[in-house]
ModelCIF file with pLDDT and N, C-alpha, C, O atoms, coordinates in Angstrom:
data_MODEL
#
_entry.id   MODEL 
#
_entity.id                         1 
_entity.type                       polymer 
_entity.pdbx_number_of_molecules   1 
#
_entity_poly.entity_id                      1 
_entity_poly.type                           'polypeptide(L)' 
_entity_poly.nstd_linkage                   no 
_entity_poly.nstd_monomer                   no 
_entity_poly.pdbx_seq_one_letter_code       VFVLVRGEGTADELVCVTNVTGEEITLPLSGTDVVTGEHADPLVV 
_entity_poly.pdbx_seq_one_letter_code_can   VFVLVRGEGTADELVCVTNVTGEEITLPLSGTDVVTGEHADPLVV 
_entity_poly.pdbx_strand_id                 A 
#
loop_
_entity_poly_seq.entity_id 
_entity_poly_seq.num 
_entity_poly_seq.mon_id 
_entity_poly_seq.hetero 
1 1  VAL n 
1 2  PHE n 
1 3  VAL n 
1 4  LEU n 
1 5  VAL n 
1 6  ARG n 
1 7  GLY n 
1 8  GLU n 
1 9  GLY n 
1 10 THR n 
1 11 ALA n 
1 12 ASP n 
1 13 GLU n 
1 14 LEU n 
1 15 VAL n 
1 16 CYS n 
1 17 VAL n 
1 18 THR n 
1 19 ASN n 
1 20 VAL n 
1 21 THR n 
1 22 GLY n 
1 23 GLU n 
1 24 GLU n 
1 25 ILE n 
1 26 THR n 
1 27 LEU n 
1 28 PRO n 
1 29 LEU n 
1 30 SER n 
1 31 GLY n 
1 32 THR n 
1 33 ASP n 
1 34 VAL n 
1 35 VAL n 
1 36 THR n 
1 37 GLY n 
1 38 GLU n 
1 39 HIS n 
1 40 ALA n 
1 41 ASP n 
1 42 PRO n 
1 43 LEU n 
1 44 VAL n 
1 45 VAL n 
#
_struct_asym.id          A 
_struct_asym.entity_id   1 
#
loop_
_ma_qa_metric.id 
_ma_qa_metric.mode 
_ma_qa_metric.name 
_ma_qa_metric.software_group_id 
_ma_qa_metric.type 
1 global pLDDT . pLDDT 
2 local  pLDDT . pLDDT 
#
_ma_qa_metric_global.metric_id      1 
_ma_qa_metric_global.metric_value   97.42 
_ma_qa_metric_global.model_id       1 
_ma_qa_metric_global.ordinal_id     1 
#
loop_
_ma_qa_metric_local.label_asym_id 
_ma_qa_metric_local.label_comp_id 
_ma_qa_metric_local.label_seq_id 
_ma_qa_metric_local.metric_id 
_ma_qa_metric_local.metric_value 
_ma_qa_metric_local.model_id 
_ma_qa_metric_local.ordinal_id 
A VAL 1  2 98.00 1 1  
A PHE 2  2 98.00 1 2  
A VAL 3  2 98.00 1 3  
A LEU 4  2 98.00 1 4  
A VAL 5  2 98.00 1 5  
A ARG 6  2 98.00 1 6  
A GLY 7  2 97.00 1 7  
A GLU 8  2 97.00 1 8  
A GLY 9  2 94.00 1 9  
A THR 10 2 95.00 1 10 
A ALA 11 2 94.00 1 11 
A ASP 12 2 95.00 1 12 
A GLU 13 2 98.00 1 13 
A LEU 14 2 98.00 1 14 
A VAL 15 2 98.00 1 15 
A CYS 16 2 98.00 1 16 
A VAL 17 2 98.00 1 17 
A THR 18 2 98.00 1 18 
A ASN 19 2 98.00 1 19 
A VAL 20 2 98.00 1 20 
A THR 21 2 98.00 1 21 
A GLY 22 2 98.00 1 22 
A GLU 23 2 98.00 1 23 
A GLU 24 2 98.00 1 24 
A ILE 25 2 98.00 1 25 
A THR 26 2 98.00 1 26 
A LEU 27 2 98.00 1 27 
A PRO 28 2 97.00 1 28 
A LEU 29 2 97.00 1 29 
A SER 30 2 97.00 1 30 
A GLY 31 2 97.00 1 31 
A THR 32 2 98.00 1 32 
A ASP 33 2 98.00 1 33 
A VAL 34 2 98.00 1 34 
A VAL 35 2 98.00 1 35 
A THR 36 2 98.00 1 36 
A GLY 37 2 97.00 1 37 
A GLU 38 2 97.00 1 38 
A HIS 39 2 98.00 1 39 
A ALA 40 2 97.00 1 40 
A ASP 41 2 96.00 1 41 
A PRO 42 2 97.00 1 42 
A LEU 43 2 98.00 1 43 
A VAL 44 2 98.00 1 44 
A VAL 45 2 98.00 1 45 
#
loop_
_atom_site.group_PDB 
_atom_site.id 
_atom_site.type_symbol 
_atom_site.label_atom_id 
_atom_site.label_alt_id 
_atom_site.label_comp_id 
_atom_site.label_asym_id 
_atom_site.label_entity_id 
_atom_site.label_seq_id 
_atom_site.pdbx_PDB_ins_code 
_atom_site.Cartn_x 
_atom_site.Cartn_y 
_atom_site.Cartn_z 
_atom_site.occupancy 
_atom_site.B_iso_or_equiv 
_atom_site.pdbx_formal_charge 
_atom_site.auth_seq_id 
_atom_site.auth_comp_id 
_atom_site.auth_asym_id 
_atom_site.auth_atom_id 
_atom_site.pdbx_PDB_model_num 
ATOM 1   N N  . VAL A 1 1  ? 8.675   -1.810 -7.043  1.00 98.00 ? 1  VAL A N  1 
ATOM 2   C CA . VAL A 1 1  ? 8.130   -1.122 -5.872  1.00 98.00 ? 1  VAL A CA 1 
ATOM 3   C C  . VAL A 1 1  ? 8.972   -1.461 -4.647  1.00 98.00 ? 1  VAL A C  1 
ATOM 4   O O  . VAL A 1 1  ? 9.575   -2.530 -4.557  1.00 98.00 ? 1  VAL A O  1 
ATOM 5   N N  . PHE A 1 2  ? 8.993   -0.523 -3.712  1.00 98.00 ? 2  PHE A N  1 
ATOM 6   C CA . PHE A 1 2  ? 9.624   -0.768 -2.417  1.00 98.00 ? 2  PHE A CA 1 
ATOM 7   C C  . PHE A 1 2  ? 8.500   -0.847 -1.392  1.00 98.00 ? 2  PHE A C  1 
ATOM 8   O O  . PHE A 1 2  ? 7.659   0.048  -1.312  1.00 98.00 ? 2  PHE A O  1 
ATOM 9   N N  . VAL A 1 3  ? 8.490   -1.923 -0.607  1.00 98.00 ? 3  VAL A N  1 
ATOM 10  C CA . VAL A 1 3  ? 7.375   -2.176 0.309   1.00 98.00 ? 3  VAL A CA 1 
ATOM 11  C C  . VAL A 1 3  ? 7.908   -2.445 1.714   1.00 98.00 ? 3  VAL A C  1 
ATOM 12  O O  . VAL A 1 3  ? 8.719   -3.346 1.922   1.00 98.00 ? 3  VAL A O  1 
ATOM 13  N N  . LEU A 1 4  ? 7.441   -1.654 2.666   1.00 98.00 ? 4  LEU A N  1 
ATOM 14  C CA . LEU A 1 4  ? 7.768   -1.831 4.074   1.00 98.00 ? 4  LEU A CA 1 
ATOM 15  C C  . LEU A 1 4  ? 6.501   -2.113 4.870   1.00 98.00 ? 4  LEU A C  1 
ATOM 16  O O  . LEU A 1 4  ? 5.462   -1.498 4.627   1.00 98.00 ? 4  LEU A O  1 
ATOM 17  N N  . VAL A 1 5  ? 6.582   -3.035 5.814   1.00 98.00 ? 5  VAL A N  1 
ATOM 18  C CA . VAL A 1 5  ? 5.503   -3.247 6.771   1.00 98.00 ? 5  VAL A CA 1 
ATOM 19  C C  . VAL A 1 5  ? 5.947   -2.640 8.089   1.00 98.00 ? 5  VAL A C  1 
ATOM 20  O O  . VAL A 1 5  ? 6.963   -3.043 8.656   1.00 98.00 ? 5  VAL A O  1 
ATOM 21  N N  . ARG A 1 6  ? 5.180   -1.664 8.578   1.00 98.00 ? 6  ARG A N  1 
ATOM 22  C CA . ARG A 1 6  ? 5.485   -1.010 9.851   1.00 98.00 ? 6  ARG A CA 1 
ATOM 23  C C  . ARG A 1 6  ? 4.382   -1.331 10.862  1.00 98.00 ? 6  ARG A C  1 
ATOM 24  O O  . ARG A 1 6  ? 3.204   -1.421 10.518  1.00 98.00 ? 6  ARG A O  1 
ATOM 25  N N  . GLY A 1 7  ? 4.799   -1.500 12.112  1.00 97.00 ? 7  GLY A N  1 
ATOM 26  C CA . GLY A 1 7  ? 3.842   -1.811 13.169  1.00 97.00 ? 7  GLY A CA 1 
ATOM 27  C C  . GLY A 1 7  ? 3.154   -3.137 12.975  1.00 97.00 ? 7  GLY A C  1 
ATOM 28  O O  . GLY A 1 7  ? 1.978   -3.284 13.309  1.00 97.00 ? 7  GLY A O  1 
ATOM 29  N N  . GLU A 1 8  ? 3.867   -4.104 12.442  1.00 97.00 ? 8  GLU A N  1 
ATOM 30  C CA . GLU A 1 8  ? 3.245   -5.392 12.103  1.00 97.00 ? 8  GLU A CA 1 
ATOM 31  C C  . GLU A 1 8  ? 2.643   -6.063 13.342  1.00 97.00 ? 8  GLU A C  1 
ATOM 32  O O  . GLU A 1 8  ? 3.266   -6.141 14.401  1.00 97.00 ? 8  GLU A O  1 
ATOM 33  N N  . GLY A 1 9  ? 1.401   -6.545 13.166  1.00 94.00 ? 9  GLY A N  1 
ATOM 34  C CA . GLY A 1 9  ? 0.720   -7.236 14.249  1.00 94.00 ? 9  GLY A CA 1 
ATOM 35  C C  . GLY A 1 9  ? 0.007   -6.336 15.228  1.00 94.00 ? 9  GLY A C  1 
ATOM 36  O O  . GLY A 1 9  ? -0.606  -6.811 16.183  1.00 94.00 ? 9  GLY A O  1 
ATOM 37  N N  . THR A 1 10 ? 0.083   -5.011 14.993  1.00 95.00 ? 10 THR A N  1 
ATOM 38  C CA . THR A 1 10 ? -0.621  -4.068 15.864  1.00 95.00 ? 10 THR A CA 1 
ATOM 39  C C  . THR A 1 10 ? -1.875  -3.564 15.163  1.00 95.00 ? 10 THR A C  1 
ATOM 40  O O  . THR A 1 10 ? -2.076  -3.818 13.975  1.00 95.00 ? 10 THR A O  1 
ATOM 41  N N  . ALA A 1 11 ? -2.718  -2.850 15.903  1.00 94.00 ? 11 ALA A N  1 
ATOM 42  C CA . ALA A 1 11 ? -3.951  -2.309 15.326  1.00 94.00 ? 11 ALA A CA 1 
ATOM 43  C C  . ALA A 1 11 ? -3.663  -1.231 14.295  1.00 94.00 ? 11 ALA A C  1 
ATOM 44  O O  . ALA A 1 11 ? -4.524  -0.913 13.474  1.00 94.00 ? 11 ALA A O  1 
ATOM 45  N N  . ASP A 1 12 ? -2.458  -0.664 14.328  1.00 95.00 ? 12 ASP A N  1 
ATOM 46  C CA . ASP A 1 12 ? -2.113  0.419  13.408  1.00 95.00 ? 12 ASP A CA 1 
ATOM 47  C C  . ASP A 1 12 ? -1.131  -0.041 12.331  1.00 95.00 ? 12 ASP A C  1 
ATOM 48  O O  . ASP A 1 12 ? -0.425  0.783  11.749  1.00 95.00 ? 12 ASP A O  1 
ATOM 49  N N  . GLU A 1 13 ? -1.077  -1.350 12.059  1.00 98.00 ? 13 GLU A N  1 
ATOM 50  C CA . GLU A 1 13 ? -0.156  -1.865 11.043  1.00 98.00 ? 13 GLU A CA 1 
ATOM 51  C C  . GLU A 1 13 ? -0.382  -1.164 9.703   1.00 98.00 ? 13 GLU A C  1 
ATOM 52  O O  . GLU A 1 13 ? -1.519  -0.955 9.281   1.00 98.00 ? 13 GLU A O  1 
ATOM 53  N N  . LEU A 1 14 ? 0.731   -0.803 9.036   1.00 98.00 ? 14 LEU A N  1 
ATOM 54  C CA . LEU A 1 14 ? 0.667   -0.165 7.726   1.00 98.00 ? 14 LEU A CA 1 
ATOM 55  C C  . LEU A 1 14 ? 1.610   -0.865 6.766   1.00 98.00 ? 14 LEU A C  1 
ATOM 56  O O  . LEU A 1 14 ? 2.715   -1.261 7.137   1.00 98.00 ? 14 LEU A O  1 
ATOM 57  N N  . VAL A 1 15 ? 1.161   -1.012 5.530   1.00 98.00 ? 15 VAL A N  1 
ATOM 58  C CA . VAL A 1 15 ? 2.005   -1.522 4.453   1.00 98.00 ? 15 VAL A CA 1 
ATOM 59  C C  . VAL A 1 15 ? 2.307   -0.333 3.541   1.00 98.00 ? 15 VAL A C  1 
ATOM 60  O O  . VAL A 1 15 ? 1.415   0.196  2.877   1.00 98.00 ? 15 VAL A O  1 
ATOM 61  N N  . CYS A 1 16 ? 3.564   0.075  3.519   1.00 98.00 ? 16 CYS A N  1 
ATOM 62  C CA . CYS A 1 16 ? 3.968   1.295  2.812   1.00 98.00 ? 16 CYS A CA 1 
ATOM 63  C C  . CYS A 1 16 ? 4.602   0.926  1.475   1.00 98.00 ? 16 CYS A C  1 
ATOM 64  O O  . CYS A 1 16 ? 5.630   0.249  1.430   1.00 98.00 ? 16 CYS A O  1 
ATOM 65  N N  . VAL A 1 17 ? 3.982   1.375  0.396   1.00 98.00 ? 17 VAL A N  1 
ATOM 66  C CA . VAL A 1 17 ? 4.355   0.975  -0.962  1.00 98.00 ? 17 VAL A CA 1 
ATOM 67  C C  . VAL A 1 17 ? 4.775   2.204  -1.755  1.00 98.00 ? 17 VAL A C  1 
ATOM 68  O O  . VAL A 1 17 ? 4.085   3.223  -1.746  1.00 98.00 ? 17 VAL A O  1 
ATOM 69  N N  . THR A 1 18 ? 5.924   2.101  -2.450  1.00 98.00 ? 18 THR A N  1 
ATOM 70  C CA . THR A 1 18 ? 6.383   3.194  -3.323  1.00 98.00 ? 18 THR A CA 1 
ATOM 71  C C  . THR A 1 18 ? 6.790   2.625  -4.666  1.00 98.00 ? 18 THR A C  1 
ATOM 72  O O  . THR A 1 18 ? 7.587   1.690  -4.745  1.00 98.00 ? 18 THR A O  1 
ATOM 73  N N  . ASN A 1 19 ? 6.235   3.200  -5.722  1.00 98.00 ? 19 ASN A N  1 
ATOM 74  C CA . ASN A 1 19 ? 6.549   2.824  -7.099  1.00 98.00 ? 19 ASN A CA 1 
ATOM 75  C C  . ASN A 1 19 ? 7.683   3.722  -7.594  1.00 98.00 ? 19 ASN A C  1 
ATOM 76  O O  . ASN A 1 19 ? 7.536   4.944  -7.612  1.00 98.00 ? 19 ASN A O  1 
ATOM 77  N N  . VAL A 1 20 ? 8.819   3.128  -7.997  1.00 98.00 ? 20 VAL A N  1 
ATOM 78  C CA . VAL A 1 20 ? 9.974   3.915  -8.437  1.00 98.00 ? 20 VAL A CA 1 
ATOM 79  C C  . VAL A 1 20 ? 10.034  4.019  -9.959  1.00 98.00 ? 20 VAL A C  1 
ATOM 80  O O  . VAL A 1 20 ? 11.056  4.435  -10.504 1.00 98.00 ? 20 VAL A O  1 
ATOM 81  N N  . THR A 1 21 ? 8.962   3.649  -10.650 1.00 98.00 ? 21 THR A N  1 
ATOM 82  C CA . THR A 1 21 ? 8.938   3.687  -12.117 1.00 98.00 ? 21 THR A CA 1 
ATOM 83  C C  . THR A 1 21 ? 7.792   4.578  -12.602 1.00 98.00 ? 21 THR A C  1 
ATOM 84  O O  . THR A 1 21 ? 6.943   5.016  -11.826 1.00 98.00 ? 21 THR A O  1 
ATOM 85  N N  . GLY A 1 22 ? 7.800   4.823  -13.895 1.00 98.00 ? 22 GLY A N  1 
ATOM 86  C CA . GLY A 1 22 ? 6.726   5.585  -14.533 1.00 98.00 ? 22 GLY A CA 1 
ATOM 87  C C  . GLY A 1 22 ? 5.576   4.719  -14.996 1.00 98.00 ? 22 GLY A C  1 
ATOM 88  O O  . GLY A 1 22 ? 4.708   5.192  -15.729 1.00 98.00 ? 22 GLY A O  1 
ATOM 89  N N  . GLU A 1 23 ? 5.549   3.448  -14.584 1.00 98.00 ? 23 GLU A N  1 
ATOM 90  C CA . GLU A 1 23 ? 4.507   2.519  -14.990 1.00 98.00 ? 23 GLU A CA 1 
ATOM 91  C C  . GLU A 1 23 ? 3.433   2.396  -13.904 1.00 98.00 ? 23 GLU A C  1 
ATOM 92  O O  . GLU A 1 23 ? 3.705   2.622  -12.725 1.00 98.00 ? 23 GLU A O  1 
ATOM 93  N N  . GLU A 1 24 ? 2.229   2.042  -14.306 1.00 98.00 ? 24 GLU A N  1 
ATOM 94  C CA . GLU A 1 24 ? 1.181   1.704  -13.352 1.00 98.00 ? 24 GLU A CA 1 
ATOM 95  C C  . GLU A 1 24 ? 1.349   0.257  -12.940 1.00 98.00 ? 24 GLU A C  1 
ATOM 96  O O  . GLU A 1 24 ? 1.539   -0.614 -13.788 1.00 98.00 ? 24 GLU A O  1 
ATOM 97  N N  . ILE A 1 25 ? 1.281   -0.007 -11.641 1.00 98.00 ? 25 ILE A N  1 
ATOM 98  C CA . ILE A 1 25 ? 1.545   -1.352 -11.130 1.00 98.00 ? 25 ILE A CA 1 
ATOM 99  C C  . ILE A 1 25 ? 0.386   -1.786 -10.231 1.00 98.00 ? 25 ILE A C  1 
ATOM 100 O O  . ILE A 1 25 ? -0.067  -1.030 -9.372  1.00 98.00 ? 25 ILE A O  1 
ATOM 101 N N  . THR A 1 26 ? -0.089  -3.023 -10.445 1.00 98.00 ? 26 THR A N  1 
ATOM 102 C CA . THR A 1 26 ? -1.151  -3.594 -9.621  1.00 98.00 ? 26 THR A CA 1 
ATOM 103 C C  . THR A 1 26 ? -0.556  -4.638 -8.690  1.00 98.00 ? 26 THR A C  1 
ATOM 104 O O  . THR A 1 26 ? 0.197   -5.511 -9.122  1.00 98.00 ? 26 THR A O  1 
ATOM 105 N N  . LEU A 1 27 ? -0.898  -4.543 -7.408  1.00 98.00 ? 27 LEU A N  1 
ATOM 106 C CA . LEU A 1 27 ? -0.349  -5.445 -6.392  1.00 98.00 ? 27 LEU A CA 1 
ATOM 107 C C  . LEU A 1 27 ? -1.482  -6.138 -5.646  1.00 98.00 ? 27 LEU A C  1 
ATOM 108 O O  . LEU A 1 27 ? -2.550  -5.552 -5.468  1.00 98.00 ? 27 LEU A O  1 
ATOM 109 N N  . PRO A 1 28 ? -1.268  -7.382 -5.206  1.00 97.00 ? 28 PRO A N  1 
ATOM 110 C CA . PRO A 1 28 ? -2.315  -8.143 -4.507  1.00 97.00 ? 28 PRO A CA 1 
ATOM 111 C C  . PRO A 1 28 ? -2.450  -7.711 -3.041  1.00 97.00 ? 28 PRO A C  1 
ATOM 112 O O  . PRO A 1 28 ? -2.277  -8.516 -2.126  1.00 97.00 ? 28 PRO A O  1 
ATOM 113 N N  . LEU A 1 29 ? -2.755  -6.446 -2.840  1.00 97.00 ? 29 LEU A N  1 
ATOM 114 C CA . LEU A 1 29 ? -2.937  -5.891 -1.506  1.00 97.00 ? 29 LEU A CA 1 
ATOM 115 C C  . LEU A 1 29 ? -4.284  -5.197 -1.444  1.00 97.00 ? 29 LEU A C  1 
ATOM 116 O O  . LEU A 1 29 ? -4.765  -4.678 -2.452  1.00 97.00 ? 29 LEU A O  1 
ATOM 117 N N  . SER A 1 30 ? -4.886  -5.183 -0.288  1.00 97.00 ? 30 SER A N  1 
ATOM 118 C CA . SER A 1 30 ? -6.151  -4.473 -0.127  1.00 97.00 ? 30 SER A CA 1 
ATOM 119 C C  . SER A 1 30 ? -6.160  -3.764 1.218   1.00 97.00 ? 30 SER A C  1 
ATOM 120 O O  . SER A 1 30 ? -5.558  -4.227 2.186   1.00 97.00 ? 30 SER A O  1 
ATOM 121 N N  . GLY A 1 31 ? -6.850  -2.640 1.259   1.00 97.00 ? 31 GLY A N  1 
ATOM 122 C CA . GLY A 1 31 ? -6.945  -1.873 2.485   1.00 97.00 ? 31 GLY A CA 1 
ATOM 123 C C  . GLY A 1 31 ? -7.208  -0.413 2.190   1.00 97.00 ? 31 GLY A C  1 
ATOM 124 O O  . GLY A 1 31 ? -7.508  -0.045 1.054   1.00 97.00 ? 31 GLY A O  1 
ATOM 125 N N  . THR A 1 32 ? -7.096  0.413  3.204   1.00 98.00 ? 32 THR A N  1 
ATOM 126 C CA . THR A 1 32 ? -7.346  1.844  3.067   1.00 98.00 ? 32 THR A CA 1 
ATOM 127 C C  . THR A 1 32 ? -6.018  2.597  3.095   1.00 98.00 ? 32 THR A C  1 
ATOM 128 O O  . THR A 1 32 ? -5.213  2.441  4.014   1.00 98.00 ? 32 THR A O  1 
ATOM 129 N N  . ASP A 1 33 ? -5.813  3.412  2.069   1.00 98.00 ? 33 ASP A N  1 
ATOM 130 C CA . ASP A 1 33 ? -4.616  4.240  1.989   1.00 98.00 ? 33 ASP A CA 1 
ATOM 131 C C  . ASP A 1 33 ? -4.809  5.432  2.925   1.00 98.00 ? 33 ASP A C  1 
ATOM 132 O O  . ASP A 1 33 ? -5.664  6.283  2.680   1.00 98.00 ? 33 ASP A O  1 
ATOM 133 N N  . VAL A 1 34 ? -4.011  5.493  4.002   1.00 98.00 ? 34 VAL A N  1 
ATOM 134 C CA . VAL A 1 34 ? -4.207  6.571  4.974   1.00 98.00 ? 34 VAL A CA 1 
ATOM 135 C C  . VAL A 1 34 ? -3.709  7.909  4.443   1.00 98.00 ? 34 VAL A C  1 
ATOM 136 O O  . VAL A 1 34 ? -4.007  8.951  5.027   1.00 98.00 ? 34 VAL A O  1 
ATOM 137 N N  . VAL A 1 35 ? -2.950  7.898  3.336   1.00 98.00 ? 35 VAL A N  1 
ATOM 138 C CA . VAL A 1 35 ? -2.494  9.157  2.729   1.00 98.00 ? 35 VAL A CA 1 
ATOM 139 C C  . VAL A 1 35 ? -3.647  9.848  2.013   1.00 98.00 ? 35 VAL A C  1 
ATOM 140 O O  . VAL A 1 35 ? -3.792  11.068 2.091   1.00 98.00 ? 35 VAL A O  1 
ATOM 141 N N  . THR A 1 36 ? -4.471  9.058  1.310   1.00 98.00 ? 36 THR A N  1 
ATOM 142 C CA . THR A 1 36 ? -5.564  9.642  0.520   1.00 98.00 ? 36 THR A CA 1 
ATOM 143 C C  . THR A 1 36 ? -6.938  9.383  1.128   1.00 98.00 ? 36 THR A C  1 
ATOM 144 O O  . THR A 1 36 ? -7.899  10.081 0.806   1.00 98.00 ? 36 THR A O  1 
ATOM 145 N N  . GLY A 1 37 ? -7.040  8.381  2.009   1.00 97.00 ? 37 GLY A N  1 
ATOM 146 C CA . GLY A 1 37 ? -8.330  7.995  2.557   1.00 97.00 ? 37 GLY A CA 1 
ATOM 147 C C  . GLY A 1 37 ? -9.118  7.060  1.662   1.00 97.00 ? 37 GLY A C  1 
ATOM 148 O O  . GLY A 1 37 ? -10.247 6.702  1.997   1.00 97.00 ? 37 GLY A O  1 
ATOM 149 N N  . GLU A 1 38 ? -8.553  6.651  0.525   1.00 97.00 ? 38 GLU A N  1 
ATOM 150 C CA . GLU A 1 38 ? -9.260  5.812  -0.438  1.00 97.00 ? 38 GLU A CA 1 
ATOM 151 C C  . GLU A 1 38 ? -9.006  4.330  -0.159  1.00 97.00 ? 38 GLU A C  1 
ATOM 152 O O  . GLU A 1 38 ? -7.932  3.943  0.302   1.00 97.00 ? 38 GLU A O  1 
ATOM 153 N N  . HIS A 1 39 ? -10.028 3.507  -0.453  1.00 98.00 ? 39 HIS A N  1 
ATOM 154 C CA . HIS A 1 39 ? -9.904  2.064  -0.291  1.00 98.00 ? 39 HIS A CA 1 
ATOM 155 C C  . HIS A 1 39 ? -9.419  1.445  -1.593  1.00 98.00 ? 39 HIS A C  1 
ATOM 156 O O  . HIS A 1 39 ? -9.794  1.890  -2.678  1.00 98.00 ? 39 HIS A O  1 
ATOM 157 N N  . ALA A 1 40 ? -8.580  0.415  -1.482  1.00 97.00 ? 40 ALA A N  1 
ATOM 158 C CA . ALA A 1 40 ? -8.037  -0.251 -2.662  1.00 97.00 ? 40 ALA A CA 1 
ATOM 159 C C  . ALA A 1 40 ? -8.174  -1.760 -2.524  1.00 97.00 ? 40 ALA A C  1 
ATOM 160 O O  . ALA A 1 40 ? -7.899  -2.323 -1.465  1.00 97.00 ? 40 ALA A O  1 
ATOM 161 N N  . ASP A 1 41 ? -8.606  -2.416 -3.615  1.00 96.00 ? 41 ASP A N  1 
ATOM 162 C CA . ASP A 1 41 ? -8.687  -3.877 -3.640  1.00 96.00 ? 41 ASP A CA 1 
ATOM 163 C C  . ASP A 1 41 ? -8.840  -4.333 -5.091  1.00 96.00 ? 41 ASP A C  1 
ATOM 164 O O  . ASP A 1 41 ? -9.962  -4.400 -5.593  1.00 96.00 ? 41 ASP A O  1 
ATOM 165 N N  . PRO A 1 42 ? -7.744  -4.644 -5.770  1.00 97.00 ? 42 PRO A N  1 
ATOM 166 C CA . PRO A 1 42 ? -6.350  -4.638 -5.328  1.00 97.00 ? 42 PRO A CA 1 
ATOM 167 C C  . PRO A 1 42 ? -5.772  -3.219 -5.348  1.00 97.00 ? 42 PRO A C  1 
ATOM 168 O O  . PRO A 1 42 ? -6.428  -2.269 -5.776  1.00 97.00 ? 42 PRO A O  1 
ATOM 169 N N  . LEU A 1 43 ? -4.540  -3.102 -4.879  1.00 98.00 ? 43 LEU A N  1 
ATOM 170 C CA . LEU A 1 43 ? -3.882  -1.802 -4.867  1.00 98.00 ? 43 LEU A CA 1 
ATOM 171 C C  . LEU A 1 43 ? -3.282  -1.521 -6.243  1.00 98.00 ? 43 LEU A C  1 
ATOM 172 O O  . LEU A 1 43 ? -2.505  -2.321 -6.764  1.00 98.00 ? 43 LEU A O  1 
ATOM 173 N N  . VAL A 1 44 ? -3.643  -0.393 -6.817  1.00 98.00 ? 44 VAL A N  1 
ATOM 174 C CA . VAL A 1 44 ? -3.068  0.063  -8.081  1.00 98.00 ? 44 VAL A CA 1 
ATOM 175 C C  . VAL A 1 44 ? -2.248  1.317  -7.783  1.00 98.00 ? 44 VAL A C  1 
ATOM 176 O O  . VAL A 1 44 ? -2.775  2.322  -7.304  1.00 98.00 ? 44 VAL A O  1 
ATOM 177 N N  . VAL A 1 45 ? -0.959  1.237  -8.073  1.00 98.00 ? 45 VAL A N  1 
ATOM 178 C CA . VAL A 1 45 ? -0.059  2.353  -7.787  1.00 98.00 ? 45 VAL A CA 1 
ATOM 179 C C  . VAL A 1 45 ? 0.380   2.959  -9.109  1.00 98.00 ? 45 VAL A C  1 
ATOM 180 O O  . VAL A 1 45 ? 1.148   3.922  -9.122  1.00 98.00 ? 45 VAL A O  1 
#
């Protein structure tokens, strides 16, 4: 996965995650995906 943190330390901080494989990947991240509106804990991509 490629992971960028944008706006770190601000109220609008986002952790942007992209899976470059055909596999399902679970990551120790939690929060609301602003692309889909769904909550994840942990994040499954």
